[in-house]
Amino acid sequence: MAEITRVYYNKLVRDNIPDKIKSKGEHCEVRPVCDMQEFQQELMKKIKEEAASLSMARTKEEFLGEYADLMIVLETIVGQLEITHDELRAAREDNLLKKGAYKHRHFLMWSDDVGYSSNESPQGIPL
C-alpha cells in the first residue's frame, strides 16, 4: 500500500492554487475564509511571506515575479480597506516629505537618538 503524505500549509492561497494542485492529479483541502477580520489577518501574514521571498530574489525575473506577488496582496488589502488612489498618493508624498527617498544611499551606523522607535528588528543585543 502506498504511503499517504501531506504537507500542511495552513495559510491563505491565491484563487488558482487548488486547481493547479488538482491538475497534477493531487488532492488538497481548502476552506473559505468568510470572516473579514480573519481574512485581513491572513493577508497581513502574506505580506511578510511575500516580502521575504522578494528579499531573496537574485535576478530581474525573480524580482518581477515576487514583486507582483507582493503587490497583489497589498492591492487586495487596499481594496478591503477601501483606500483610494488619491489617499495612497497623498500618503506616499507625505512619507517622502517626512523621510526622504534613497538618493543619497545613507547607511546609518549609529545614533545617540535613544528616544527614536524603529520598526526594524535589532541586529544584535542592546548593550
C-alpha atoms as a PDB file:
ATOM      1  CA  MET A   1       0.000   0.000   0.000  1.00  0.00           C
ATOM      2  CA  ALA A   2       1.307   3.445  -0.920  1.00  0.00           C
ATOM      3  CA  GLU A   3       2.175   5.787   1.898  1.00  0.00           C
ATOM      4  CA  ILE A   4      -0.003   8.888   2.018  1.00  0.00           C
ATOM      5  CA  THR A   5       1.924  12.059   2.716  1.00  0.00           C
ATOM      6  CA  ARG A   6       0.574  15.506   3.253  1.00  0.00           C
ATOM      7  CA  VAL A   7       2.118  18.907   3.531  1.00  0.00           C
ATOM      8  CA  TYR A   8       0.183  21.176   5.888  1.00  0.00           C
ATOM      9  CA  TYR A   9       0.288  24.819   4.863  1.00  0.00           C
ATOM     10  CA  ASN A  10      -2.493  26.430   6.910  1.00  0.00           C
ATOM     11  CA  LYS A  11      -2.272  29.695   5.014  1.00  0.00           C
ATOM     12  CA  LEU A  12      -4.197  31.862   2.603  1.00  0.00           C
ATOM     13  CA  VAL A  13      -3.530  30.955  -1.038  1.00  0.00           C
ATOM     14  CA  ARG A  14      -4.412  32.582  -4.336  1.00  0.00           C
ATOM     15  CA  ASP A  15      -7.568  31.570  -6.216  1.00  0.00           C
ATOM     16  CA  ASN A  16      -5.939  29.293  -8.816  1.00  0.00           C
ATOM     17  CA  ILE A  17      -3.764  27.254  -6.438  1.00  0.00           C
ATOM     18  CA  PRO A  18      -6.308  24.480  -5.646  1.00  0.00           C
ATOM     19  CA  ASP A  19      -6.958  23.944  -9.374  1.00  0.00           C
ATOM     20  CA  LYS A  20      -3.216  23.813 -10.096  1.00  0.00           C
ATOM     21  CA  ILE A  21      -2.803  21.127  -7.426  1.00  0.00           C
ATOM     22  CA  LYS A  22      -5.739  19.117  -8.780  1.00  0.00           C
ATOM     23  CA  SER A  23      -4.495  19.435 -12.380  1.00  0.00           C
ATOM     24  CA  LYS A  24      -1.406  17.470 -11.287  1.00  0.00           C
ATOM     25  CA  GLY A  25      -3.626  14.657 -10.032  1.00  0.00           C
ATOM     26  CA  GLU A  26      -3.001  15.635  -6.427  1.00  0.00           C
ATOM     27  CA  HIS A  27      -5.527  16.348  -3.695  1.00  0.00           C
ATOM     28  CA  CYS A  28      -5.917  19.252  -1.313  1.00  0.00           C
ATOM     29  CA  GLU A  29      -8.365  20.630   1.180  1.00  0.00           C
ATOM     30  CA  VAL A  30      -9.335  24.286   1.303  1.00  0.00           C
ATOM     31  CA  ARG A  31     -11.894  26.218   3.288  1.00  0.00           C
ATOM     32  CA  PRO A  32     -13.338  29.635   2.596  1.00  0.00           C
ATOM     33  CA  VAL A  33     -12.252  32.486   4.837  1.00  0.00           C
ATOM     34  CA  CYS A  34     -15.628  34.102   5.494  1.00  0.00           C
ATOM     35  CA  ASP A  35     -14.704  36.264   8.475  1.00  0.00           C
ATOM     36  CA  MET A  36     -13.352  39.621   7.260  1.00  0.00           C
ATOM     37  CA  GLN A  37     -11.090  40.052  10.292  1.00  0.00           C
ATOM     38  CA  GLU A  38      -9.515  36.632   9.706  1.00  0.00           C
ATOM     39  CA  PHE A  39      -9.113  37.434   6.001  1.00  0.00           C
ATOM     40  CA  GLN A  40      -7.299  40.693   6.762  1.00  0.00           C
ATOM     41  CA  GLN A  41      -5.118  38.934   9.360  1.00  0.00           C
ATOM     42  CA  GLU A  42      -4.157  36.278   6.804  1.00  0.00           C
ATOM     43  CA  LEU A  43      -3.408  38.967   4.215  1.00  0.00           C
ATOM     44  CA  MET A  44      -1.087  40.663   6.731  1.00  0.00           C
ATOM     45  CA  LYS A  45       0.747  37.349   7.170  1.00  0.00           C
ATOM     46  CA  LYS A  46       1.064  37.130   3.375  1.00  0.00           C
ATOM     47  CA  ILE A  47       2.829  40.499   3.328  1.00  0.00           C
ATOM     48  CA  LYS A  48       5.636  39.055   5.448  1.00  0.00           C
ATOM     49  CA  GLU A  49       5.777  35.885   3.359  1.00  0.00           C
ATOM     50  CA  GLU A  50       5.870  37.703   0.036  1.00  0.00           C
ATOM     51  CA  ALA A  51       8.291  40.396   1.270  1.00  0.00           C
ATOM     52  CA  ALA A  52      10.661  37.677   2.495  1.00  0.00           C
ATOM     53  CA  SER A  53      10.503  35.998  -0.918  1.00  0.00           C
ATOM     54  CA  LEU A  54      11.099  39.343  -2.631  1.00  0.00           C
ATOM     55  CA  SER A  55      14.167  39.989  -0.489  1.00  0.00           C
ATOM     56  CA  MET A  56      15.623  36.680  -1.687  1.00  0.00           C
ATOM     57  CA  ALA A  57      15.233  37.483  -5.408  1.00  0.00           C
ATOM     58  CA  ARG A  58      18.575  37.465  -7.210  1.00  0.00           C
ATOM     59  CA  THR A  59      17.579  38.106 -10.802  1.00  0.00           C
ATOM     60  CA  LYS A  60      15.387  40.676 -12.502  1.00  0.00           C
ATOM     61  CA  GLU A  61      12.903  37.953 -13.443  1.00  0.00           C
ATOM     62  CA  GLU A  62      12.707  36.646  -9.869  1.00  0.00           C
ATOM     63  CA  PHE A  63      12.299  40.205  -8.603  1.00  0.00           C
ATOM     64  CA  LEU A  64       9.438  40.904 -11.025  1.00  0.00           C
ATOM     65  CA  GLY A  65       7.595  37.730 -10.042  1.00  0.00           C
ATOM     66  CA  GLU A  66       7.975  38.286  -6.317  1.00  0.00           C
ATOM     67  CA  TYR A  67       7.172  41.999  -6.647  1.00  0.00           C
ATOM     68  CA  ALA A  68       3.942  41.095  -8.452  1.00  0.00           C
ATOM     69  CA  ASP A  69       3.046  38.621  -5.675  1.00  0.00           C
ATOM     70  CA  LEU A  70       3.542  41.281  -3.000  1.00  0.00           C
ATOM     71  CA  MET A  71       1.668  43.950  -4.946  1.00  0.00           C
ATOM     72  CA  ILE A  72      -1.355  41.663  -5.389  1.00  0.00           C
ATOM     73  CA  VAL A  73      -1.518  41.148  -1.617  1.00  0.00           C
ATOM     74  CA  LEU A  74      -1.163  44.883  -0.981  1.00  0.00           C
ATOM     75  CA  GLU A  75      -3.766  45.755  -3.606  1.00  0.00           C
ATOM     76  CA  THR A  76      -6.180  43.271  -2.030  1.00  0.00           C
ATOM     77  CA  ILE A  77      -5.740  44.924   1.379  1.00  0.00           C
ATOM     78  CA  VAL A  78      -6.135  48.383  -0.158  1.00  0.00           C
ATOM     79  CA  GLY A  79      -9.408  47.205  -1.686  1.00  0.00           C
ATOM     80  CA  GLN A  80     -10.605  45.692   1.578  1.00  0.00           C
ATOM     81  CA  LEU A  81      -9.892  48.932   3.420  1.00  0.00           C
ATOM     82  CA  GLU A  82     -11.473  50.976   0.603  1.00  0.00           C
ATOM     83  CA  ILE A  83      -8.386  53.163   0.250  1.00  0.00           C
ATOM     84  CA  THR A  84      -8.480  55.385  -2.822  1.00  0.00           C
ATOM     85  CA  HIS A  85      -5.630  56.062  -5.253  1.00  0.00           C
ATOM     86  CA  ASP A  86      -5.649  59.664  -4.035  1.00  0.00           C
ATOM     87  CA  GLU A  87      -5.193  58.528  -0.428  1.00  0.00           C
ATOM     88  CA  LEU A  88      -2.327  56.253  -1.456  1.00  0.00           C
ATOM     89  CA  ARG A  89      -0.650  59.020  -3.445  1.00  0.00           C
ATOM     90  CA  ALA A  90      -1.047  61.511  -0.573  1.00  0.00           C
ATOM     91  CA  ALA A  91       0.353  59.027   1.956  1.00  0.00           C
ATOM     92  CA  ARG A  92       3.338  58.311  -0.311  1.00  0.00           C
ATOM     93  CA  GLU A  93       4.041  62.009  -0.886  1.00  0.00           C
ATOM     94  CA  ASP A  94       3.739  62.746   2.848  1.00  0.00           C
ATOM     95  CA  ASN A  95       6.074  59.869   3.644  1.00  0.00           C
ATOM     96  CA  LEU A  96       8.643  61.108   1.114  1.00  0.00           C
ATOM     97  CA  LEU A  97       8.490  64.622   2.570  1.00  0.00           C
ATOM     98  CA  LYS A  98       8.995  63.349   6.123  1.00  0.00           C
ATOM     99  CA  LYS A  99      11.618  60.669   5.482  1.00  0.00           C
ATOM    100  CA  GLY A 100      13.041  61.328   2.020  1.00  0.00           C
ATOM    101  CA  ALA A 101      13.972  58.689  -0.528  1.00  0.00           C
ATOM    102  CA  TYR A 102      17.200  56.703  -1.010  1.00  0.00           C
ATOM    103  CA  LYS A 103      19.021  59.017  -3.440  1.00  0.00           C
ATOM    104  CA  HIS A 104      21.957  59.609  -1.094  1.00  0.00           C
ATOM    105  CA  ARG A 105      22.306  55.928  -0.107  1.00  0.00           C
ATOM    106  CA  HIS A 106      22.823  56.722   3.598  1.00  0.00           C
ATOM    107  CA  PHE A 107      23.727  53.700   5.747  1.00  0.00           C
ATOM    108  CA  LEU A 108      23.154  54.587   9.417  1.00  0.00           C
ATOM    109  CA  MET A 109      25.973  53.227  11.558  1.00  0.00           C
ATOM    110  CA  TRP A 110      24.778  54.580  14.900  1.00  0.00           C
ATOM    111  CA  SER A 111      22.847  57.362  16.580  1.00  0.00           C
ATOM    112  CA  ASP A 112      22.594  58.741  20.085  1.00  0.00           C
ATOM    113  CA  ASP A 113      18.882  59.402  19.478  1.00  0.00           C
ATOM    114  CA  VAL A 114      17.805  56.793  22.046  1.00  0.00           C
ATOM    115  CA  GLY A 115      14.229  58.096  22.014  1.00  0.00           C
ATOM    116  CA  TYR A 116      13.690  57.030  18.405  1.00  0.00           C
ATOM    117  CA  SER A 117      11.493  53.966  17.987  1.00  0.00           C
ATOM    118  CA  SER A 118      12.220  51.863  14.918  1.00  0.00           C
ATOM    119  CA  ASN A 119      10.142  49.097  13.393  1.00  0.00           C
ATOM    120  CA  GLU A 120      13.356  47.376  12.375  1.00  0.00           C
ATOM    121  CA  SER A 121      14.482  44.250  14.154  1.00  0.00           C
ATOM    122  CA  PRO A 122      17.730  44.886  16.004  1.00  0.00           C
ATOM    123  CA  GLN A 123      20.890  43.363  14.582  1.00  0.00           C
ATOM    124  CA  GLY A 124      22.210  42.472  17.986  1.00  0.00           C
ATOM    125  CA  ILE A 125      21.567  42.644  21.682  1.00  0.00           C
ATOM    126  CA  PRO A 126      21.306  46.189  23.078  1.00  0.00           C
ATOM    127  CA  LEU A 127      24.211  46.988  25.384  1.00  0.00           C
END
